[in-house]
Amino acid sequence: MSEESWDEQFKQFLRKTGDDFRRAGEEVRAEAQRLLDAAMDPQKQQRVRDRLNELTVWARRSGEAMAGAMTDAASKAENAFLTATEKVSEATAKVSDSMAGAGAEVRNVVARAKKASKPKSKPKAKAKAKAKAKAKPRVAAKAKAKPAKARPKSGGKRRK
């Protein structure tokens, strides 16, 4: 008996499932027909075309405006860069010129400071140094030629 009841339950399940599939198929078919009718409607098609044309025109204008804005921004950036470069060059030249004058002034101050910081020598030592320099005139010494070294002709090690 259980076999018969199981077979009967299985058949009922298949009938219910088949009915559900038929209803679902009819609903899908009806929705597809409604969408197809809407798409085939000439008025709706014309509205869609008009809207697409509007979007195309808007996109073209926006693209051209963006390109113009980018060109303007690039030229402004270029001008700013050139102006900054010129200002840096001018400032460098001014600093170089002022440093050249300041360098000479610094050298003079350093020289004066060295003179001021040198200990003053005693007059007797100066007089002795002058007398010594006058008493011994310097004579240029003659350079003596050194004899050339003989090279071994064979058997000797060569230097690299």
Protein backbone atom coordinates (compact mmCIF):
# COMPACT_ATOMS: atom_id res chain seq x y z
CA MET A 1 0.00 0.00 0.00
CA SER A 2 2.69 2.33 0.69
CA GLU A 3 3.88 1.91 -2.89
CA GLU A 4 0.54 2.92 -4.27
CA SER A 5 0.26 5.93 -2.00
CA TRP A 6 3.77 7.01 -2.88
CA ASP A 7 3.03 6.73 -6.63
CA GLU A 8 -0.17 8.69 -6.16
CA GLN A 9 1.63 11.43 -4.22
CA PHE A 10 4.30 11.66 -6.90
CA LYS A 11 1.65 12.02 -9.65
CA GLN A 12 -0.11 14.76 -7.67
CA PHE A 13 3.22 16.59 -7.25
CA LEU A 14 3.90 16.40 -10.98
CA ARG A 15 0.37 17.71 -11.81
CA LYS A 16 0.78 20.65 -9.40
CA THR A 17 4.26 21.45 -10.71
CA GLY A 18 3.05 21.28 -14.32
CA ASP A 19 0.16 23.64 -13.48
CA ASP A 20 2.60 26.05 -11.79
CA PHE A 21 4.90 25.98 -14.83
CA ARG A 22 1.96 26.65 -17.18
CA ARG A 23 0.83 29.65 -15.12
CA ALA A 24 4.36 31.02 -14.90
CA GLY A 25 4.84 30.56 -18.65
CA GLU A 26 1.57 32.38 -19.36
CA GLU A 27 2.65 35.27 -17.09
CA VAL A 28 6.05 35.52 -18.81
CA ARG A 29 4.41 35.38 -22.23
CA ALA A 30 1.94 38.14 -21.28
CA GLU A 31 4.73 40.38 -19.90
CA ALA A 32 6.88 39.83 -22.99
CA GLN A 33 3.93 40.71 -25.24
CA ARG A 34 3.29 43.90 -23.21
CA LEU A 35 6.96 44.94 -23.51
CA LEU A 36 7.00 44.14 -27.22
CA ASP A 37 3.86 46.21 -27.79
CA ALA A 38 5.38 49.10 -25.84
CA ALA A 39 8.58 48.89 -27.86
CA MET A 40 6.72 48.75 -31.13
CA ASP A 41 4.59 51.79 -30.24
CA PRO A 42 5.62 54.50 -32.76
CA GLN A 43 5.04 57.34 -30.29
CA LYS A 44 7.29 55.76 -27.65
CA GLN A 45 9.93 55.00 -30.26
CA GLN A 46 9.91 58.65 -31.36
CA ARG A 47 10.24 59.85 -27.73
CA VAL A 48 13.20 57.53 -27.21
CA ARG A 49 14.88 58.78 -30.40
CA ASP A 50 14.31 62.41 -29.38
CA ARG A 51 15.77 61.80 -25.94
CA LEU A 52 18.80 60.05 -27.44
CA ASN A 53 19.36 63.01 -29.79
CA GLU A 54 19.16 65.42 -26.84
CA LEU A 55 21.68 63.34 -24.92
CA THR A 56 24.01 63.27 -27.93
CA VAL A 57 23.89 67.06 -28.30
CA TRP A 58 24.43 67.55 -24.56
CA ALA A 59 27.40 65.15 -24.55
CA ARG A 60 28.99 66.90 -27.54
CA ARG A 61 28.60 70.37 -25.94
CA SER A 62 29.90 69.13 -22.61
CA GLY A 63 32.92 67.55 -24.29
CA GLU A 64 33.73 70.72 -26.22
CA ALA A 65 33.32 72.83 -23.07
CA MET A 66 35.59 70.48 -21.14
CA ALA A 67 38.21 70.60 -23.89
CA GLY A 68 38.11 74.40 -23.86
CA ALA A 69 38.42 74.51 -20.09
CA MET A 70 41.39 72.13 -20.21
CA THR A 71 43.08 74.27 -22.86
CA ASP A 72 42.57 77.40 -20.75
CA ALA A 73 43.90 75.68 -17.65
CA ALA A 74 46.96 74.43 -19.53
CA SER A 75 47.76 77.89 -20.89
CA LYS A 76 47.32 79.45 -17.42
CA ALA A 77 49.63 76.84 -15.93
CA GLU A 78 52.19 77.48 -18.66
CA ASN A 79 52.07 81.24 -18.07
CA ALA A 80 52.38 80.76 -14.31
CA PHE A 81 55.38 78.48 -14.79
CA LEU A 82 57.10 80.92 -17.14
CA THR A 83 56.44 83.85 -14.80
CA ALA A 84 57.79 81.92 -11.82
CA THR A 85 60.88 80.91 -13.79
CA GLU A 86 61.56 84.52 -14.79
CA LYS A 87 61.11 85.74 -11.20
CA VAL A 88 63.51 83.09 -9.91
CA SER A 89 66.07 84.02 -12.56
CA GLU A 90 65.79 87.73 -11.70
CA ALA A 91 66.07 87.03 -7.97
CA THR A 92 69.10 84.80 -8.53
CA ALA A 93 70.79 87.50 -10.59
CA LYS A 94 70.11 90.15 -7.92
CA VAL A 95 71.42 87.91 -5.16
CA SER A 96 74.51 87.03 -7.20
CA ASP A 97 75.23 90.71 -7.86
CA SER A 98 74.73 91.69 -4.24
CA MET A 99 76.81 88.74 -3.04
CA ALA A 100 79.68 89.72 -5.33
CA GLY A 101 79.81 93.17 -3.72
CA ALA A 102 79.34 91.70 -0.27
CA GLY A 103 82.13 89.20 -0.91
CA ALA A 104 84.65 91.95 -1.56
CA GLU A 105 83.50 93.76 1.57
CA VAL A 106 83.80 90.57 3.63
CA ARG A 107 87.33 90.00 2.33
CA ASN A 108 88.32 93.53 3.37
CA VAL A 109 86.86 93.03 6.85
CA VAL A 110 88.68 89.71 7.24
CA ALA A 111 91.97 91.25 6.12
CA ARG A 112 91.57 94.10 8.62
CA ALA A 113 90.73 91.61 11.37
CA LYS A 114 93.85 89.56 10.59
CA LYS A 115 96.02 92.65 10.74
CA ALA A 116 94.47 93.68 14.02
CA SER A 117 94.87 90.24 15.57
CA LYS A 118 98.57 89.81 14.64
CA PRO A 119 100.87 90.33 17.62
CA LYS A 120 103.09 93.30 17.10
CA SER A 121 106.71 92.26 16.82
CA LYS A 122 109.45 93.96 18.74
CA PRO A 123 111.45 96.61 16.86
CA LYS A 124 114.78 94.92 17.70
CA ALA A 125 113.71 91.67 16.07
CA LYS A 126 112.72 93.50 12.90
CA ALA A 127 116.02 95.30 12.73
CA LYS A 128 117.96 92.04 13.19
CA ALA A 129 115.98 90.34 10.44
CA LYS A 130 116.63 93.22 8.02
CA ALA A 131 120.36 93.26 8.79
CA LYS A 132 120.58 89.51 8.31
CA ALA A 133 118.80 89.70 4.95
CA LYS A 134 121.21 92.40 3.75
CA ALA A 135 124.32 90.61 4.96
CA LYS A 136 123.71 87.28 3.19
CA PRO A 137 122.75 87.77 -0.42
CA ARG A 138 121.19 84.68 -1.84
CA VAL A 139 123.00 82.94 -4.64
CA ALA A 140 121.16 80.64 -6.97
CA ALA A 141 122.59 77.15 -6.72
CA LYS A 142 123.43 75.34 -9.92
CA ALA A 143 121.55 72.14 -10.48
CA LYS A 144 123.76 69.08 -10.78
CA ALA A 145 122.83 66.52 -13.39
CA LYS A 146 122.32 62.99 -12.11
CA PRO A 147 123.80 60.14 -14.10
CA ALA A 148 121.26 57.96 -15.89
CA LYS A 149 120.67 54.49 -14.51
CA ALA A 150 121.70 51.64 -16.77
CA ARG A 151 118.92 49.29 -17.83
CA PRO A 152 119.53 45.60 -17.92
CA LYS A 153 119.33 44.33 -21.48
CA SER A 154 117.93 40.92 -20.69
CA GLY A 155 116.98 38.75 -17.79
CA GLY A 156 115.75 41.60 -15.66
CA LYS A 157 112.24 42.00 -14.39
CA ARG A 158 110.10 44.51 -16.19
CA ARG A 159 107.97 46.94 -14.34
CA LYS A 160 104.49 47.53 -15.44
